[in-house]
Amino acid sequence: MIIKGVKNSKVPEEIFKMNLEFQLLNADLIATKTHILQGIYQAETKKNISSSIWVEILLRISGTKQISNAIKTFGAKSGNVCIICKDLETFQKILDLIGGTLDDEVLELNEYKEDKIKTLFDIKNCKNLVERVCEKVALIEVI
């Protein structure tokens, strides 16, 4: 699985109508690649909510069973995004369409992101934010 951060992208609506197998996420809400890998693992090993693995990955990473909520919060908008796909050809097509600069730093935590992520996942006091987010992702079935 290819997981890459892109800074300053411009996501055109037509990208979602191109019949490519991928997921684009709002990188400003990603709590490191560990968060993404946990979501992918859960999507591949748990009982699916969606018939599409790519939608399932979105649901798992967002920690919700509601597709509309997942798209609203984690769906990629222009700016910092995370590309998830299976092959280099798809990755290159997506990157060519959205532009921007490859930069995995957009997937790392910073103060700005920490506050947004804590609010989104309703996390109060915690020592390890990434661990708590991954717990929330893993517990989607019991929510």
N, C-alpha and C. Protein backbone atom coordinates (compact mmCIF):
# COMPACT_ATOMS: atom_id res chain seq x y z
N MET A 1 0.86 -1.18 0.00
CA MET A 1 0.00 0.00 0.00
C MET A 1 0.90 1.23 0.00
N ILE A 2 0.59 2.19 -0.85
CA ILE A 2 1.33 3.44 -0.91
C ILE A 2 0.59 4.47 -0.06
N ILE A 3 1.33 5.12 0.83
CA ILE A 3 0.78 6.16 1.70
C ILE A 3 1.72 7.35 1.60
N LYS A 4 1.23 8.45 1.07
CA LYS A 4 2.07 9.63 0.87
C LYS A 4 1.33 10.91 1.24
N GLY A 5 2.05 11.83 1.82
CA GLY A 5 1.52 13.14 2.13
C GLY A 5 1.83 14.11 1.00
N VAL A 6 0.89 15.02 0.73
CA VAL A 6 1.08 16.04 -0.30
C VAL A 6 0.66 17.39 0.28
N LYS A 7 1.54 18.36 0.14
CA LYS A 7 1.29 19.70 0.65
C LYS A 7 0.80 20.60 -0.49
N ASN A 8 -0.14 21.46 -0.17
CA ASN A 8 -0.65 22.48 -1.11
C ASN A 8 -1.26 21.89 -2.38
N SER A 9 -2.07 20.87 -2.23
CA SER A 9 -2.73 20.25 -3.39
C SER A 9 -4.00 21.02 -3.74
N LYS A 10 -4.51 20.77 -4.93
CA LYS A 10 -5.80 21.29 -5.37
C LYS A 10 -6.59 20.08 -5.89
N VAL A 11 -7.58 19.66 -5.13
CA VAL A 11 -8.31 18.43 -5.43
C VAL A 11 -9.52 18.74 -6.30
N PRO A 12 -9.48 18.35 -7.58
CA PRO A 12 -10.64 18.59 -8.46
C PRO A 12 -11.72 17.52 -8.22
N GLU A 13 -12.97 17.92 -8.32
CA GLU A 13 -14.09 16.98 -8.11
C GLU A 13 -14.03 15.78 -9.06
N GLU A 14 -13.58 15.99 -10.29
CA GLU A 14 -13.59 14.91 -11.28
C GLU A 14 -12.68 13.74 -10.91
N ILE A 15 -11.75 13.96 -9.99
CA ILE A 15 -10.86 12.87 -9.59
C ILE A 15 -11.64 11.70 -8.99
N PHE A 16 -12.77 12.01 -8.35
CA PHE A 16 -13.57 10.96 -7.70
C PHE A 16 -14.48 10.22 -8.69
N LYS A 17 -14.48 10.65 -9.94
CA LYS A 17 -15.30 10.00 -10.97
C LYS A 17 -14.45 9.24 -11.97
N MET A 18 -13.17 9.06 -11.67
CA MET A 18 -12.23 8.49 -12.64
C MET A 18 -12.07 6.97 -12.56
N ASN A 19 -12.80 6.33 -11.67
CA ASN A 19 -12.74 4.87 -11.55
C ASN A 19 -11.33 4.37 -11.20
N LEU A 20 -10.64 5.12 -10.36
CA LEU A 20 -9.34 4.71 -9.84
C LEU A 20 -9.52 4.17 -8.43
N GLU A 21 -8.68 3.22 -8.03
CA GLU A 21 -8.76 2.67 -6.68
C GLU A 21 -7.79 3.41 -5.77
N PHE A 22 -8.34 4.28 -4.93
CA PHE A 22 -7.52 5.10 -4.03
C PHE A 22 -8.39 5.73 -2.96
N GLN A 23 -7.73 6.35 -2.00
CA GLN A 23 -8.42 7.17 -1.03
C GLN A 23 -7.58 8.43 -0.82
N LEU A 24 -8.24 9.56 -0.77
CA LEU A 24 -7.60 10.85 -0.47
C LEU A 24 -8.18 11.34 0.84
N LEU A 25 -7.31 11.71 1.77
CA LEU A 25 -7.75 12.13 3.09
C LEU A 25 -7.24 13.52 3.42
N ASN A 26 -7.96 14.20 4.27
CA ASN A 26 -7.54 15.48 4.81
C ASN A 26 -6.38 15.21 5.77
N ALA A 27 -5.17 15.57 5.38
CA ALA A 27 -3.98 15.27 6.18
C ALA A 27 -3.94 16.06 7.48
N ASP A 28 -4.71 17.14 7.57
CA ASP A 28 -4.71 17.95 8.79
C ASP A 28 -5.37 17.24 9.97
N LEU A 29 -6.01 16.08 9.70
CA LEU A 29 -6.64 15.32 10.78
C LEU A 29 -5.98 13.94 10.99
N ILE A 30 -4.89 13.71 10.32
CA ILE A 30 -4.18 12.43 10.43
C ILE A 30 -3.19 12.51 11.59
N ALA A 31 -3.25 11.53 12.48
CA ALA A 31 -2.34 11.46 13.63
C ALA A 31 -1.19 10.50 13.30
N THR A 32 -0.40 10.81 12.31
CA THR A 32 0.77 10.06 11.85
C THR A 32 0.38 8.86 10.96
N LYS A 33 1.38 8.28 10.33
CA LYS A 33 1.15 7.11 9.48
C LYS A 33 0.62 5.93 10.29
N THR A 34 0.94 5.89 11.57
CA THR A 34 0.43 4.82 12.44
C THR A 34 -1.10 4.83 12.44
N HIS A 35 -1.70 5.99 12.49
CA HIS A 35 -3.15 6.16 12.42
C HIS A 35 -3.69 5.56 11.11
N ILE A 36 -3.03 5.89 10.02
CA ILE A 36 -3.45 5.39 8.71
C ILE A 36 -3.31 3.87 8.63
N LEU A 37 -2.17 3.37 9.08
CA LEU A 37 -1.93 1.92 9.04
C LEU A 37 -2.93 1.16 9.90
N GLN A 38 -3.30 1.72 11.05
CA GLN A 38 -4.32 1.09 11.90
C GLN A 38 -5.66 1.06 11.17
N GLY A 39 -6.02 2.15 10.51
CA GLY A 39 -7.27 2.19 9.75
C GLY A 39 -7.28 1.18 8.62
N ILE A 40 -6.17 1.06 7.90
CA ILE A 40 -6.08 0.08 6.82
C ILE A 40 -6.19 -1.35 7.37
N TYR A 41 -5.47 -1.61 8.45
CA TYR A 41 -5.52 -2.94 9.07
C TYR A 41 -6.95 -3.29 9.49
N GLN A 42 -7.62 -2.34 10.14
CA GLN A 42 -9.00 -2.58 10.57
C GLN A 42 -9.92 -2.81 9.36
N ALA A 43 -9.72 -2.06 8.29
CA ALA A 43 -10.54 -2.21 7.09
C ALA A 43 -10.33 -3.58 6.45
N GLU A 44 -9.13 -4.09 6.52
CA GLU A 44 -8.80 -5.36 5.88
C GLU A 44 -9.15 -6.58 6.74
N THR A 45 -9.27 -6.40 8.05
CA THR A 45 -9.44 -7.57 8.93
C THR A 45 -10.77 -7.64 9.67
N LYS A 46 -11.49 -6.56 9.75
CA LYS A 46 -12.76 -6.55 10.49
C LYS A 46 -13.94 -6.68 9.53
N LYS A 47 -15.10 -6.95 10.10
CA LYS A 47 -16.32 -7.02 9.29
C LYS A 47 -16.57 -5.63 8.69
N ASN A 48 -16.71 -5.60 7.39
CA ASN A 48 -16.83 -4.32 6.70
C ASN A 48 -18.20 -3.68 6.85
N ILE A 49 -18.18 -2.37 6.90
CA ILE A 49 -19.39 -1.55 6.93
C ILE A 49 -19.79 -1.22 5.50
N SER A 50 -18.78 -1.02 4.64
CA SER A 50 -18.98 -0.65 3.24
C SER A 50 -18.57 -1.80 2.32
N SER A 51 -19.09 -1.78 1.10
CA SER A 51 -18.70 -2.79 0.12
C SER A 51 -17.40 -2.42 -0.59
N SER A 52 -16.92 -1.21 -0.41
CA SER A 52 -15.68 -0.74 -1.04
C SER A 52 -14.57 -0.66 0.01
N ILE A 53 -13.44 -1.28 -0.26
CA ILE A 53 -12.32 -1.22 0.68
C ILE A 53 -11.85 0.22 0.87
N TRP A 54 -11.96 1.04 -0.17
CA TRP A 54 -11.50 2.43 -0.09
C TRP A 54 -12.41 3.27 0.80
N VAL A 55 -13.70 3.04 0.73
CA VAL A 55 -14.63 3.71 1.64
C VAL A 55 -14.44 3.17 3.05
N GLU A 56 -14.20 1.89 3.15
CA GLU A 56 -13.96 1.26 4.46
C GLU A 56 -12.73 1.88 5.13
N ILE A 57 -11.68 2.10 4.38
CA ILE A 57 -10.48 2.74 4.93
C ILE A 57 -10.83 4.14 5.44
N LEU A 58 -11.60 4.90 4.67
CA LEU A 58 -12.04 6.23 5.10
C LEU A 58 -12.83 6.14 6.41
N LEU A 59 -13.77 5.22 6.48
CA LEU A 59 -14.59 5.05 7.69
C LEU A 59 -13.72 4.70 8.89
N ARG A 60 -12.83 3.76 8.71
CA ARG A 60 -11.99 3.31 9.83
C ARG A 60 -11.07 4.43 10.32
N ILE A 61 -10.44 5.13 9.41
CA ILE A 61 -9.53 6.20 9.80
C ILE A 61 -10.29 7.33 10.49
N SER A 62 -11.52 7.57 10.05
CA SER A 62 -12.32 8.65 10.65
C SER A 62 -12.96 8.23 11.97
N GLY A 63 -13.00 6.93 12.24
CA GLY A 63 -13.57 6.45 13.50
C GLY A 63 -15.08 6.55 13.56
N THR A 64 -15.73 6.51 12.40
CA THR A 64 -17.19 6.60 12.37
C THR A 64 -17.76 5.55 11.40
N LYS A 65 -19.00 5.19 11.62
CA LYS A 65 -19.69 4.27 10.71
C LYS A 65 -20.50 5.02 9.66
N GLN A 66 -20.60 6.33 9.79
CA GLN A 66 -21.42 7.13 8.89
C GLN A 66 -20.57 7.68 7.74
N ILE A 67 -20.85 7.22 6.53
CA ILE A 67 -20.08 7.63 5.36
C ILE A 67 -20.12 9.15 5.17
N SER A 68 -21.29 9.74 5.31
CA SER A 68 -21.39 11.19 5.09
C SER A 68 -20.54 11.97 6.10
N ASN A 69 -20.52 11.53 7.36
CA ASN A 69 -19.68 12.20 8.36
C ASN A 69 -18.20 12.01 8.06
N ALA A 70 -17.83 10.81 7.63
CA ALA A 70 -16.43 10.52 7.30
C ALA A 70 -15.96 11.40 6.14
N ILE A 71 -16.80 11.52 5.13
CA ILE A 71 -16.44 12.35 3.97
C ILE A 71 -16.35 13.81 4.39
N LYS A 72 -17.29 14.26 5.20
CA LYS A 72 -17.32 15.66 5.63
C LYS A 72 -16.06 16.03 6.41
N THR A 73 -15.59 15.14 7.29
CA THR A 73 -14.44 15.47 8.12
C THR A 73 -13.11 15.07 7.49
N PHE A 74 -13.00 13.86 7.00
CA PHE A 74 -11.72 13.35 6.51
C PHE A 74 -11.57 13.39 5.00
N GLY A 75 -12.65 13.68 4.29
CA GLY A 75 -12.56 13.76 2.84
C GLY A 75 -11.58 14.85 2.42
N ALA A 76 -10.80 14.57 1.39
CA ALA A 76 -9.76 15.51 0.97
C ALA A 76 -10.36 16.76 0.35
N LYS A 77 -9.81 17.86 0.78
CA LYS A 77 -10.11 19.15 0.20
C LYS A 77 -8.77 19.70 -0.28
N SER A 78 -8.76 20.78 -0.95
CA SER A 78 -7.49 21.37 -1.36
C SER A 78 -6.68 21.73 -0.12
N GLY A 79 -5.38 21.59 -0.23
CA GLY A 79 -4.49 21.83 0.90
C GLY A 79 -3.62 20.61 1.13
N ASN A 80 -3.45 20.24 2.39
CA ASN A 80 -2.64 19.08 2.73
C ASN A 80 -3.48 17.82 2.69
N VAL A 81 -3.03 16.84 1.92
CA VAL A 81 -3.78 15.60 1.76
C VAL A 81 -2.88 14.39 1.94
N CYS A 82 -3.51 13.26 2.14
CA CYS A 82 -2.84 11.97 2.20
C CYS A 82 -3.40 11.11 1.09
N ILE A 83 -2.52 10.58 0.26
CA ILE A 83 -2.92 9.66 -0.82
C ILE A 83 -2.67 8.24 -0.34
N ILE A 84 -3.68 7.39 -0.49
CA ILE A 84 -3.53 5.96 -0.20
C ILE A 84 -3.97 5.22 -1.46
N CYS A 85 -3.09 4.37 -1.99
CA CYS A 85 -3.43 3.57 -3.16
C CYS A 85 -2.51 2.34 -3.20
N LYS A 86 -2.78 1.45 -4.14
CA LYS A 86 -2.03 0.19 -4.19
C LYS A 86 -0.86 0.18 -5.15
N ASP A 87 -0.85 1.06 -6.15
CA ASP A 87 0.23 0.96 -7.14
C ASP A 87 0.74 2.33 -7.56
N LEU A 88 1.96 2.34 -8.09
CA LEU A 88 2.61 3.58 -8.49
C LEU A 88 1.91 4.29 -9.64
N GLU A 89 1.33 3.53 -10.55
CA GLU A 89 0.63 4.14 -11.69
C GLU A 89 -0.55 4.98 -11.20
N THR A 90 -1.35 4.41 -10.30
CA THR A 90 -2.48 5.15 -9.73
C THR A 90 -1.98 6.35 -8.95
N PHE A 91 -0.96 6.14 -8.14
CA PHE A 91 -0.39 7.23 -7.35
C PHE A 91 0.02 8.39 -8.25
N GLN A 92 0.71 8.10 -9.33
CA GLN A 92 1.20 9.15 -10.22
C GLN A 92 0.05 9.90 -10.89
N LYS A 93 -1.01 9.16 -11.30
CA LYS A 93 -2.18 9.81 -11.91
C LYS A 93 -2.82 10.79 -10.93
N ILE A 94 -2.96 10.35 -9.68
CA ILE A 94 -3.58 11.21 -8.66
C ILE A 94 -2.71 12.43 -8.40
N LEU A 95 -1.41 12.20 -8.22
CA LEU A 95 -0.50 13.31 -7.96
C LEU A 95 -0.49 14.32 -9.10
N ASP A 96 -0.51 13.82 -10.33
CA ASP A 96 -0.55 14.71 -11.50
C ASP A 96 -1.82 15.58 -11.49
N LEU A 97 -2.93 15.00 -11.04
CA LEU A 97 -4.20 15.75 -11.02
C LEU A 97 -4.29 16.76 -9.89
N ILE A 98 -3.77 16.40 -8.72
CA ILE A 98 -3.93 17.29 -7.56
C ILE A 98 -2.78 18.28 -7.39
N GLY A 99 -1.65 17.98 -8.02
CA GLY A 99 -0.50 18.87 -7.89
C GLY A 99 0.03 18.89 -6.47
N GLY A 100 0.67 19.96 -6.11
CA GLY A 100 1.23 20.08 -4.78
C GLY A 100 2.63 19.48 -4.71
N THR A 101 3.14 19.40 -3.50
CA THR A 101 4.49 18.92 -3.26
C THR A 101 4.45 17.70 -2.35
N LEU A 102 5.12 16.63 -2.75
CA LEU A 102 5.22 15.46 -1.88
C LEU A 102 5.91 15.86 -0.59
N ASP A 103 5.26 15.56 0.54
CA ASP A 103 5.82 15.94 1.84
C ASP A 103 5.13 15.14 2.93
N ASP A 104 5.76 14.07 3.38
CA ASP A 104 5.17 13.24 4.44
C ASP A 104 5.09 13.96 5.78
N GLU A 105 5.73 15.11 5.89
CA GLU A 105 5.64 15.89 7.13
C GLU A 105 4.19 16.29 7.43
N VAL A 106 3.35 16.41 6.39
CA VAL A 106 1.94 16.78 6.62
C VAL A 106 1.18 15.68 7.35
N LEU A 107 1.76 14.48 7.43
CA LEU A 107 1.12 13.38 8.13
C LEU A 107 1.53 13.31 9.61
N GLU A 108 2.53 14.09 9.98
CA GLU A 108 3.03 14.09 11.36
C GLU A 108 2.22 15.02 12.24
N LEU A 109 2.31 14.81 13.54
CA LEU A 109 1.59 15.65 14.49
C LEU A 109 2.30 16.98 14.70
N ASN A 110 1.51 18.01 14.95
CA ASN A 110 2.01 19.30 15.41
C ASN A 110 0.92 19.89 16.31
N GLU A 111 1.21 21.00 16.96
CA GLU A 111 0.24 21.57 17.90
C GLU A 111 -1.10 21.88 17.24
N TYR A 112 -1.05 22.45 16.06
CA TYR A 112 -2.27 22.79 15.32
C TYR A 112 -3.13 21.55 15.10
N LYS A 113 -2.50 20.48 14.63
CA LYS A 113 -3.24 19.25 14.35
C LYS A 113 -3.72 18.57 15.63
N GLU A 114 -2.90 18.57 16.66
CA GLU A 114 -3.26 17.90 17.92
C GLU A 114 -4.59 18.41 18.46
N ASP A 115 -4.77 19.71 18.50
CA ASP A 115 -6.02 20.28 19.02
C ASP A 115 -7.22 19.86 18.17
N LYS A 116 -7.07 19.91 16.86
CA LYS A 116 -8.16 19.51 15.96
C LYS A 116 -8.49 18.03 16.14
N ILE A 117 -7.48 17.19 16.24
CA ILE A 117 -7.68 15.74 16.37
C ILE A 117 -8.32 15.41 17.72
N LYS A 118 -7.87 16.05 18.78
CA LYS A 118 -8.46 15.81 20.11
C LYS A 118 -9.95 16.16 20.10
N THR A 119 -10.29 17.28 19.48
CA THR A 119 -11.69 17.69 19.41
C THR A 119 -12.50 16.70 18.57
N LEU A 120 -12.00 16.35 17.41
CA LEU A 120 -12.71 15.45 16.51
C LEU A 120 -12.98 14.08 17.15
N PHE A 121 -11.98 13.52 17.80
CA PHE A 121 -12.11 12.19 18.40
C PHE A 121 -12.57 12.23 19.86
N ASP A 122 -12.90 13.42 20.35
CA ASP A 122 -13.36 13.61 21.73
C ASP A 122 -12.38 12.99 22.72
N ILE A 123 -11.13 13.41 22.60
CA ILE A 123 -10.07 12.92 23.48
C ILE A 123 -9.69 14.04 24.44
N LYS A 124 -9.76 13.73 25.70
CA LYS A 124 -9.39 14.73 26.72
C LYS A 124 -7.93 14.50 27.10
N ASN A 125 -7.64 14.38 28.33
CA ASN A 125 -6.27 14.21 28.81
C ASN A 125 -5.72 12.84 28.38
N CYS A 126 -4.59 12.86 27.72
CA CYS A 126 -3.95 11.60 27.34
C CYS A 126 -2.45 11.83 27.18
N LYS A 127 -1.69 10.79 27.43
CA LYS A 127 -0.23 10.89 27.30
C LYS A 127 0.22 10.63 25.87
N ASN A 128 -0.51 9.78 25.15
CA ASN A 128 -0.10 9.40 23.80
C ASN A 128 -1.30 9.53 22.86
N LEU A 129 -1.36 10.64 22.16
CA LEU A 129 -2.50 10.92 21.29
C LEU A 129 -2.64 9.90 20.17
N VAL A 130 -1.55 9.50 19.56
CA VAL A 130 -1.61 8.54 18.46
C VAL A 130 -2.21 7.22 18.95
N GLU A 131 -1.79 6.78 20.11
CA GLU A 131 -2.32 5.54 20.69
C GLU A 131 -3.82 5.64 20.94
N ARG A 132 -4.27 6.77 21.48
CA ARG A 132 -5.71 6.96 21.74
C ARG A 132 -6.52 7.00 20.45
N VAL A 133 -6.00 7.67 19.42
CA VAL A 133 -6.70 7.70 18.14
C VAL A 133 -6.80 6.29 17.58
N CYS A 134 -5.73 5.53 17.65
CA CYS A 134 -5.74 4.16 17.13
C CYS A 134 -6.73 3.29 17.91
N GLU A 135 -6.87 3.53 19.22
CA GLU A 135 -7.89 2.82 20.01
C GLU A 135 -9.29 3.15 19.50
N LYS A 136 -9.53 4.42 19.24
CA LYS A 136 -10.85 4.84 18.73
C LYS A 136 -11.13 4.19 17.37
N VAL A 137 -10.12 4.12 16.52
CA VAL A 137 -10.27 3.49 15.21
C VAL A 137 -10.58 2.00 15.37
N ALA A 138 -9.89 1.36 16.31
CA ALA A 138 -10.08 -0.08 16.51
C ALA A 138 -11.43 -0.41 17.13
N LEU A 139 -12.01 0.54 17.84
CA LEU A 139 -13.26 0.28 18.57
C LEU A 139 -14.50 0.75 17.83
N ILE A 140 -14.40 0.99 16.55
CA ILE A 140 -15.53 1.51 15.76
C ILE A 140 -16.76 0.59 15.85
N GLU A 141 -16.55 -0.70 15.98
CA GLU A 141 -17.69 -1.63 16.06
C GLU A 141 -18.54 -1.45 17.31
N VAL A 142 -17.93 -1.00 18.40
CA VAL A 142 -18.68 -0.88 19.65
C VAL A 142 -19.25 0.52 19.86
N ILE A 143 -18.97 1.41 18.95
CA ILE A 143 -19.50 2.79 19.07
C ILE A 143 -20.95 2.81 18.64
